[in-house]
């Protein structure tokens, strides 16, 4: 059986260079703990998340993050539940 993994972590940014596009390797679910993020999603909407906001972004989304600093998030990468072995 193929082993699947999930990743969870916390990131805090106090200094950010020019934002660059980033393609999500898996679905990302995040909770903003501090600051504001404006996330431009290629071929999709632009969303603005503030402290206390929770969002889920799809695998493969090309995103560009514009942060108001300091910015802190709790994030989780994992495969969709519906793909879990039964």
PDB file of N, CA and C in Angstrom:
ATOM      1  N   UNK A   1       0.839  -1.161   0.000  1.00  0.00           N
ATOM      2  CA  UNK A   1       0.000   0.000   0.000  1.00  0.00           C
ATOM      3  C   UNK A   1       0.896   1.240   0.000  1.00  0.00           C
ATOM      4  N   UNK A   2       0.517   2.224  -0.788  1.00  0.00           N
ATOM      5  CA  UNK A   2       1.252   3.482  -0.855  1.00  0.00           C
ATOM      6  C   UNK A   2       1.053   4.261   0.447  1.00  0.00           C
ATOM      7  N   UNK A   3       2.149   4.754   1.019  1.00  0.00           N
ATOM      8  CA  UNK A   3       2.039   5.520   2.256  1.00  0.00           C
ATOM      9  C   UNK A   3       1.831   6.990   1.921  1.00  0.00           C
ATOM     10  N   UNK A   4       0.804   7.572   2.489  1.00  0.00           N
ATOM     11  CA  UNK A   4       0.499   8.977   2.289  1.00  0.00           C
ATOM     12  C   UNK A   4       0.889   9.745   3.535  1.00  0.00           C
ATOM     13  N   UNK A   5       1.326  10.962   3.338  1.00  0.00           N
ATOM     14  CA  UNK A   5       1.716  11.772   4.476  1.00  0.00           C
ATOM     15  C   UNK A   5       0.969  13.099   4.467  1.00  0.00           C
ATOM     16  N   UNK A   6       0.921  13.708   5.604  1.00  0.00           N
ATOM     17  CA  UNK A   6       0.363  15.043   5.749  1.00  0.00           C
ATOM     18  C   UNK A   6       1.408  15.863   6.503  1.00  0.00           C
ATOM     19  N   UNK A   7       1.382  17.144   6.295  1.00  0.00           N
ATOM     20  CA  UNK A   7       2.342  18.021   6.930  1.00  0.00           C
ATOM     21  C   UNK A   7       1.595  19.158   7.605  1.00  0.00           C
ATOM     22  N   UNK A   8       2.046  19.528   8.788  1.00  0.00           N
ATOM     23  CA  UNK A   8       1.456  20.650   9.501  1.00  0.00           C
ATOM     24  C   UNK A   8       2.597  21.496  10.050  1.00  0.00           C
ATOM     25  N   UNK A   9       2.382  22.793  10.119  1.00  0.00           N
ATOM     26  CA  UNK A   9       3.423  23.653  10.647  1.00  0.00           C
ATOM     27  C   UNK A   9       2.900  25.052  10.904  1.00  0.00           C
ATOM     28  N   UNK A  10       3.795  25.875  11.398  1.00  0.00           N
ATOM     29  CA  UNK A  10       3.472  27.263  11.644  1.00  0.00           C
ATOM     30  C   UNK A  10       4.570  28.096  11.004  1.00  0.00           C
ATOM     31  N   UNK A  11       4.178  29.153  10.307  1.00  0.00           N
ATOM     32  CA  UNK A  11       5.141  30.053   9.688  1.00  0.00           C
ATOM     33  C   UNK A  11       4.903  31.458  10.204  1.00  0.00           C
ATOM     34  N   UNK A  12       5.995  32.186  10.435  1.00  0.00           N
ATOM     35  CA  UNK A  12       5.897  33.584  10.835  1.00  0.00           C
ATOM     36  C   UNK A  12       6.870  34.367   9.963  1.00  0.00           C
ATOM     37  N   UNK A  13       6.358  35.401   9.315  1.00  0.00           N
ATOM     38  CA  UNK A  13       7.160  36.234   8.435  1.00  0.00           C
ATOM     39  C   UNK A  13       7.256  37.632   9.026  1.00  0.00           C
ATOM     40  N   UNK A  14       8.478  38.135   9.112  1.00  0.00           N
ATOM     41  CA  UNK A  14       8.690  39.499   9.578  1.00  0.00           C
ATOM     42  C   UNK A  14       9.373  40.334   8.501  1.00  0.00           C
ATOM     43  N   UNK A  15       9.846  39.667   7.450  1.00  0.00           N
ATOM     44  CA  UNK A  15      10.501  40.340   6.339  1.00  0.00           C
ATOM     45  C   UNK A  15      10.272  39.480   5.098  1.00  0.00           C
ATOM     46  N   UNK A  16       9.725  40.079   4.056  1.00  0.00           N
ATOM     47  CA  UNK A  16       9.432  39.319   2.845  1.00  0.00           C
ATOM     48  C   UNK A  16       9.953  40.096   1.646  1.00  0.00           C
ATOM     49  N   UNK A  17      10.652  39.406   0.763  1.00  0.00           N
ATOM     50  CA  UNK A  17      11.113  40.009  -0.489  1.00  0.00           C
ATOM     51  C   UNK A  17       9.914  40.139  -1.429  1.00  0.00           C
ATOM     52  N   UNK A  18      10.169  40.439  -2.674  1.00  0.00           N
ATOM     53  CA  UNK A  18       9.087  40.549  -3.652  1.00  0.00           C
ATOM     54  C   UNK A  18       8.324  39.230  -3.745  1.00  0.00           C
ATOM     55  N   UNK A  19       6.989  39.314  -3.714  1.00  0.00           N
ATOM     56  CA  UNK A  19       6.198  38.079  -3.809  1.00  0.00           C
ATOM     57  C   UNK A  19       6.412  37.383  -5.153  1.00  0.00           C
ATOM     58  N   UNK A  20       6.520  36.070  -5.109  1.00  0.00           N
ATOM     59  CA  UNK A  20       6.677  35.270  -6.323  1.00  0.00           C
ATOM     60  C   UNK A  20       5.577  34.219  -6.371  1.00  0.00           C
ATOM     61  N   UNK A  21       5.147  33.830  -7.561  1.00  0.00           N
ATOM     62  CA  UNK A  21       4.119  32.785  -7.662  1.00  0.00           C
ATOM     63  C   UNK A  21       4.604  31.488  -7.019  1.00  0.00           C
ATOM     64  N   UNK A  22       3.667  30.799  -6.385  1.00  0.00           N
ATOM     65  CA  UNK A  22       3.963  29.524  -5.747  1.00  0.00           C
ATOM     66  C   UNK A  22       2.821  28.571  -6.054  1.00  0.00           C
ATOM     67  N   UNK A  23       3.158  27.375  -6.549  1.00  0.00           N
ATOM     68  CA  UNK A  23       2.166  26.357  -6.878  1.00  0.00           C
ATOM     69  C   UNK A  23       2.033  25.408  -5.692  1.00  0.00           C
ATOM     70  N   UNK A  24       0.800  25.253  -5.217  1.00  0.00           N
ATOM     71  CA  UNK A  24       0.560  24.408  -4.050  1.00  0.00           C
ATOM     72  C   UNK A  24       0.784  22.941  -4.390  1.00  0.00           C
ATOM     73  N   UNK A  25       1.663  22.251  -3.637  1.00  0.00           N
ATOM     74  CA  UNK A  25       1.949  20.848  -3.917  1.00  0.00           C
ATOM     75  C   UNK A  25       0.821  19.916  -3.478  1.00  0.00           C
ATOM     76  N   UNK A  26       0.004  20.361  -2.538  1.00  0.00           N
ATOM     77  CA  UNK A  26      -1.148  19.613  -2.022  1.00  0.00           C
ATOM     78  C   UNK A  26      -2.202  20.636  -1.623  1.00  0.00           C
ATOM     79  N   UNK A  27      -3.387  20.167  -1.269  1.00  0.00           N
ATOM     80  CA  UNK A  27      -4.392  21.083  -0.710  1.00  0.00           C
ATOM     81  C   UNK A  27      -3.811  21.691   0.556  1.00  0.00           C
ATOM     82  N   UNK A  28      -3.963  23.008   0.694  1.00  0.00           N
ATOM     83  CA  UNK A  28      -3.487  23.679   1.897  1.00  0.00           C
ATOM     84  C   UNK A  28      -4.679  24.253   2.654  1.00  0.00           C
ATOM     85  N   UNK A  29      -4.744  23.944   3.919  1.00  0.00           N
ATOM     86  CA  UNK A  29      -5.716  24.558   4.811  1.00  0.00           C
ATOM     87  C   UNK A  29      -4.909  25.396   5.786  1.00  0.00           C
ATOM     88  N   UNK A  30      -5.331  26.641   5.981  1.00  0.00           N
ATOM     89  CA  UNK A  30      -4.553  27.522   6.830  1.00  0.00           C
ATOM     90  C   UNK A  30      -5.447  28.364   7.728  1.00  0.00           C
ATOM     91  N   UNK A  31      -4.889  28.724   8.859  1.00  0.00           N
ATOM     92  CA  UNK A  31      -5.535  29.609   9.820  1.00  0.00           C
ATOM     93  C   UNK A  31      -4.583  30.775  10.041  1.00  0.00           C
ATOM     94  N   UNK A  32      -5.051  31.992   9.766  1.00  0.00           N
ATOM     95  CA  UNK A  32      -4.225  33.177   9.972  1.00  0.00           C
ATOM     96  C   UNK A  32      -4.262  33.535  11.455  1.00  0.00           C
ATOM     97  N   UNK A  33      -3.081  33.637  12.051  1.00  0.00           N
ATOM     98  CA  UNK A  33      -2.961  33.952  13.464  1.00  0.00           C
ATOM     99  C   UNK A  33      -2.587  35.411  13.702  1.00  0.00           C
ATOM    100  N   UNK A  34      -1.909  36.029  12.718  1.00  0.00           N
ATOM    101  CA  UNK A  34      -1.435  37.400  12.881  1.00  0.00           C
ATOM    102  C   UNK A  34      -1.235  38.007  11.494  1.00  0.00           C
ATOM    103  N   UNK A  35      -1.609  39.275  11.325  1.00  0.00           N
ATOM    104  CA  UNK A  35      -1.391  39.964  10.066  1.00  0.00           C
ATOM    105  C   UNK A  35      -2.509  39.732   9.066  1.00  0.00           C
ATOM    106  N   UNK A  36      -2.213  40.095   7.821  1.00  0.00           N
ATOM    107  CA  UNK A  36      -3.171  39.997   6.722  1.00  0.00           C
ATOM    108  C   UNK A  36      -2.457  39.416   5.506  1.00  0.00           C
ATOM    109  N   UNK A  37      -3.147  38.546   4.768  1.00  0.00           N
ATOM    110  CA  UNK A  37      -2.626  38.007   3.514  1.00  0.00           C
ATOM    111  C   UNK A  37      -3.628  38.283   2.404  1.00  0.00           C
ATOM    112  N   UNK A  38      -3.157  38.883   1.322  1.00  0.00           N
ATOM    113  CA  UNK A  38      -3.952  38.970   0.101  1.00  0.00           C
ATOM    114  C   UNK A  38      -3.348  37.938  -0.837  1.00  0.00           C
ATOM    115  N   UNK A  39      -4.160  36.961  -1.219  1.00  0.00           N
ATOM    116  CA  UNK A  39      -3.662  35.853  -2.037  1.00  0.00           C
ATOM    117  C   UNK A  39      -4.303  35.945  -3.416  1.00  0.00           C
ATOM    118  N   UNK A  40      -3.470  36.186  -4.426  1.00  0.00           N
ATOM    119  CA  UNK A  40      -3.932  36.191  -5.810  1.00  0.00           C
ATOM    120  C   UNK A  40      -3.841  34.760  -6.322  1.00  0.00           C
ATOM    121  N   UNK A  41      -4.946  34.237  -6.826  1.00  0.00           N
ATOM    122  CA  UNK A  41      -4.984  32.876  -7.353  1.00  0.00           C
ATOM    123  C   UNK A  41      -5.143  32.964  -8.864  1.00  0.00           C
ATOM    124  N   UNK A  42      -4.149  32.445  -9.597  1.00  0.00           N
ATOM    125  CA  UNK A  42      -4.183  32.491 -11.063  1.00  0.00           C
ATOM    126  C   UNK A  42      -5.439  31.792 -11.566  1.00  0.00           C
ATOM    127  N   UNK A  43      -6.169  32.443 -12.470  1.00  0.00           N
ATOM    128  CA  UNK A  43      -7.424  31.936 -13.032  1.00  0.00           C
ATOM    129  C   UNK A  43      -8.497  31.754 -11.956  1.00  0.00           C
ATOM    130  N   UNK A  44      -8.380  32.512 -10.874  1.00  0.00           N
ATOM    131  CA  UNK A  44      -9.353  32.410  -9.790  1.00  0.00           C
ATOM    132  C   UNK A  44      -9.491  33.742  -9.088  1.00  0.00           C
ATOM    133  N   UNK A  45     -10.075  33.711  -7.923  1.00  0.00           N
ATOM    134  CA  UNK A  45     -10.299  34.957  -7.193  1.00  0.00           C
ATOM    135  C   UNK A  45      -9.044  35.428  -6.458  1.00  0.00           C
ATOM    136  N   UNK A  46      -9.117  36.628  -5.960  1.00  0.00           N
ATOM    137  CA  UNK A  46      -8.155  37.139  -4.989  1.00  0.00           C
ATOM    138  C   UNK A  46      -8.873  37.131  -3.655  1.00  0.00           C
ATOM    139  N   UNK A  47      -8.235  36.536  -2.650  1.00  0.00           N
ATOM    140  CA  UNK A  47      -8.867  36.486  -1.337  1.00  0.00           C
ATOM    141  C   UNK A  47      -8.012  37.251  -0.328  1.00  0.00           C
ATOM    142  N   UNK A  48      -8.668  37.833   0.642  1.00  0.00           N
ATOM    143  CA  UNK A  48      -7.974  38.536   1.720  1.00  0.00           C
ATOM    144  C   UNK A  48      -8.325  37.839   3.029  1.00  0.00           C
ATOM    145  N   UNK A  49      -7.291  37.446   3.748  1.00  0.00           N
ATOM    146  CA  UNK A  49      -7.462  36.725   5.013  1.00  0.00           C
ATOM    147  C   UNK A  49      -6.833  37.526   6.135  1.00  0.00           C
ATOM    148  N   UNK A  50      -7.565  37.632   7.240  1.00  0.00           N
ATOM    149  CA  UNK A  50      -7.103  38.351   8.425  1.00  0.00           C
ATOM    150  C   UNK A  50      -7.013  37.370   9.600  1.00  0.00           C
ATOM    151  N   UNK A  51      -6.404  37.835  10.687  1.00  0.00           N
ATOM    152  CA  UNK A  51      -6.280  36.993  11.883  1.00  0.00           C
ATOM    153  C   UNK A  51      -7.644  36.408  12.241  1.00  0.00           C
ATOM    154  N   UNK A  52      -7.680  35.090  12.424  1.00  0.00           N
ATOM    155  CA  UNK A  52      -8.909  34.371  12.741  1.00  0.00           C
ATOM    156  C   UNK A  52      -9.574  33.740  11.538  1.00  0.00           C
ATOM    157  N   UNK A  53      -9.157  34.116  10.315  1.00  0.00           N
ATOM    158  CA  UNK A  53      -9.748  33.543   9.104  1.00  0.00           C
ATOM    159  C   UNK A  53      -9.128  32.188   8.789  1.00  0.00           C
ATOM    160  N   UNK A  54      -9.961  31.276   8.296  1.00  0.00           N
ATOM    161  CA  UNK A  54      -9.570  29.928   7.906  1.00  0.00           C
ATOM    162  C   UNK A  54      -9.870  29.785   6.428  1.00  0.00           C
ATOM    163  N   UNK A  55      -8.956  29.185   5.666  1.00  0.00           N
ATOM    164  CA  UNK A  55      -9.173  28.993   4.229  1.00  0.00           C
ATOM    165  C   UNK A  55      -8.598  27.651   3.806  1.00  0.00           C
ATOM    166  N   UNK A  56      -9.078  27.158   2.666  1.00  0.00           N
ATOM    167  CA  UNK A  56      -8.563  25.933   2.072  1.00  0.00           C
ATOM    168  C   UNK A  56      -8.344  26.201   0.592  1.00  0.00           C
ATOM    169  N   UNK A  57      -7.122  25.966   0.121  1.00  0.00           N
ATOM    170  CA  UNK A  57      -6.750  26.237  -1.261  1.00  0.00           C
ATOM    171  C   UNK A  57      -6.447  24.913  -1.962  1.00  0.00           C
ATOM    172  N   UNK A  58      -6.876  24.756  -3.215  1.00  0.00           N
ATOM    173  CA  UNK A  58      -6.732  23.467  -3.896  1.00  0.00           C
ATOM    174  C   UNK A  58      -5.308  23.162  -4.352  1.00  0.00           C
ATOM    175  N   UNK A  59      -4.998  21.885  -4.384  1.00  0.00           N
ATOM    176  CA  UNK A  59      -3.730  21.404  -4.922  1.00  0.00           C
ATOM    177  C   UNK A  59      -3.568  21.929  -6.340  1.00  0.00           C
ATOM    178  N   UNK A  60      -2.370  22.401  -6.661  1.00  0.00           N
ATOM    179  CA  UNK A  60      -2.080  22.873  -8.013  1.00  0.00           C
ATOM    180  C   UNK A  60      -2.390  24.339  -8.248  1.00  0.00           C
ATOM    181  N   UNK A  61      -3.041  25.003  -7.290  1.00  0.00           N
ATOM    182  CA  UNK A  61      -3.348  26.425  -7.453  1.00  0.00           C
ATOM    183  C   UNK A  61      -2.038  27.210  -7.513  1.00  0.00           C
ATOM    184  N   UNK A  62      -1.962  28.140  -8.454  1.00  0.00           N
ATOM    185  CA  UNK A  62      -0.804  29.016  -8.557  1.00  0.00           C
ATOM    186  C   UNK A  62      -1.164  30.289  -7.805  1.00  0.00           C
ATOM    187  N   UNK A  63      -0.454  30.549  -6.717  1.00  0.00           N
ATOM    188  CA  UNK A  63      -0.800  31.643  -5.824  1.00  0.00           C
ATOM    189  C   UNK A  63       0.349  32.632  -5.695  1.00  0.00           C
ATOM    190  N   UNK A  64      -0.003  33.886  -5.470  1.00  0.00           N
ATOM    191  CA  UNK A  64       0.979  34.910  -5.118  1.00  0.00           C
ATOM    192  C   UNK A  64       0.480  35.572  -3.844  1.00  0.00           C
ATOM    193  N   UNK A  65       1.302  35.526  -2.820  1.00  0.00           N
ATOM    194  CA  UNK A  65       0.921  36.008  -1.493  1.00  0.00           C
ATOM    195  C   UNK A  65       1.509  37.388  -1.247  1.00  0.00           C
ATOM    196  N   UNK A  66       0.655  38.307  -0.818  1.00  0.00           N
ATOM    197  CA  UNK A  66       1.065  39.657  -0.442  1.00  0.00           C
ATOM    198  C   UNK A  66       0.724  39.785   1.044  1.00  0.00           C
ATOM    199  N   UNK A  67       1.743  39.927   1.877  1.00  0.00           N
ATOM    200  CA  UNK A  67       1.553  39.875   3.327  1.00  0.00           C
ATOM    201  C   UNK A  67       1.698  41.246   3.978  1.00  0.00           C
ATOM    202  N   UNK A  68       0.866  41.476   4.979  1.00  0.00           N
ATOM    203  CA  UNK A  68       1.047  42.592   5.895  1.00  0.00           C
ATOM    204  C   UNK A  68       1.777  42.017   7.097  1.00  0.00           C
ATOM    205  N   UNK A  69       2.926  42.587   7.400  1.00  0.00           N
ATOM    206  CA  UNK A  69       3.816  42.015   8.409  1.00  0.00           C
ATOM    207  C   UNK A  69       3.637  42.662   9.775  1.00  0.00           C
ATOM    208  N   UNK A  70       3.930  41.934  10.845  1.00  0.00           N
ATOM    209  CA  UNK A  70       4.286  40.516  10.849  1.00  0.00           C
ATOM    210  C   UNK A  70       3.082  39.659  10.490  1.00  0.00           C
ATOM    211  N   UNK A  71       3.353  38.509   9.878  1.00  0.00           N
ATOM    212  CA  UNK A  71       2.307  37.578   9.468  1.00  0.00           C
ATOM    213  C   UNK A  71       2.632  36.210  10.051  1.00  0.00           C
ATOM    214  N   UNK A  72       1.610  35.568  10.634  1.00  0.00           N
ATOM    215  CA  UNK A  72       1.800  34.217  11.189  1.00  0.00           C
ATOM    216  C   UNK A  72       0.598  33.367  10.805  1.00  0.00           C
ATOM    217  N   UNK A  73       0.884  32.136  10.397  1.00  0.00           N
ATOM    218  CA  UNK A  73      -0.185  31.205  10.000  1.00  0.00           C
ATOM    219  C   UNK A  73       0.114  29.810  10.523  1.00  0.00           C
ATOM    220  N   UNK A  74      -0.949  29.079  10.784  1.00  0.00           N
ATOM    221  CA  UNK A  74      -0.888  27.651  11.061  1.00  0.00           C
ATOM    222  C   UNK A  74      -1.379  26.987   9.792  1.00  0.00           C
ATOM    223  N   UNK A  75      -0.591  26.066   9.213  1.00  0.00           N
ATOM    224  CA  UNK A  75      -0.962  25.471   7.931  1.00  0.00           C
ATOM    225  C   UNK A  75      -0.921  23.939   7.992  1.00  0.00           C
ATOM    226  N   UNK A  76      -1.676  23.340   7.081  1.00  0.00           N
ATOM    227  CA  UNK A  76      -1.777  21.893   6.981  1.00  0.00           C
ATOM    228  C   UNK A  76      -1.832  21.520   5.514  1.00  0.00           C
ATOM    229  N   UNK A  77      -0.939  20.634   5.080  1.00  0.00           N
ATOM    230  CA  UNK A  77      -0.983  20.058   3.734  1.00  0.00           C
ATOM    231  C   UNK A  77      -1.381  18.599   3.875  1.00  0.00           C
ATOM    232  N   UNK A  78      -2.349  18.178   3.115  1.00  0.00           N
ATOM    233  CA  UNK A  78      -2.738  16.780   3.173  1.00  0.00           C
ATOM    234  C   UNK A  78      -3.602  16.402   1.993  1.00  0.00           C
ATOM    235  N   UNK A  79      -3.729  15.128   1.804  1.00  0.00           N
ATOM    236  CA  UNK A  79      -4.574  14.674   0.704  1.00  0.00           C
ATOM    237  C   UNK A  79      -6.036  14.743   1.122  1.00  0.00           C
ATOM    238  N   UNK A  80      -6.932  14.852   0.175  1.00  0.00           N
ATOM    239  CA  UNK A  80      -8.360  14.928   0.507  1.00  0.00           C
ATOM    240  C   UNK A  80      -8.837  13.674   1.240  1.00  0.00           C
ATOM    241  N   UNK A  81      -9.746  13.853   2.153  1.00  0.00           N
ATOM    242  CA  UNK A  81     -10.293  12.755   2.950  1.00  0.00           C
ATOM    243  C   UNK A  81     -10.894  11.673   2.066  1.00  0.00           C
ATOM    244  N   UNK A  82     -11.579  12.072   0.991  1.00  0.00           N
ATOM    245  CA  UNK A  82     -12.267  11.086   0.159  1.00  0.00           C
ATOM    246  C   UNK A  82     -11.303  10.106  -0.494  1.00  0.00           C
ATOM    247  N   UNK A  83      -9.992  10.390  -0.482  1.00  0.00           N
ATOM    248  CA  UNK A  83      -9.014   9.475  -1.057  1.00  0.00           C
ATOM    249  C   UNK A  83      -8.404   8.539  -0.022  1.00  0.00           C
ATOM    250  N   UNK A  84      -8.822   8.662   1.226  1.00  0.00           N
ATOM    251  CA  UNK A  84      -8.269   7.811   2.283  1.00  0.00           C
ATOM    252  C   UNK A  84      -8.661   6.358   2.031  1.00  0.00           C
ATOM    253  N   UNK A  85      -7.738   5.424   2.335  1.00  0.00           N
ATOM    254  CA  UNK A  85      -8.052   4.000   2.137  1.00  0.00           C
ATOM    255  C   UNK A  85      -9.231   3.593   3.039  1.00  0.00           C
ATOM    256  N   UNK A  86     -10.006   2.660   2.544  1.00  0.00           N
ATOM    257  CA  UNK A  86     -11.178   2.180   3.312  1.00  0.00           C
ATOM    258  C   UNK A  86     -10.959   0.768   3.769  1.00  0.00           C
TER     259      UNK A  86
END
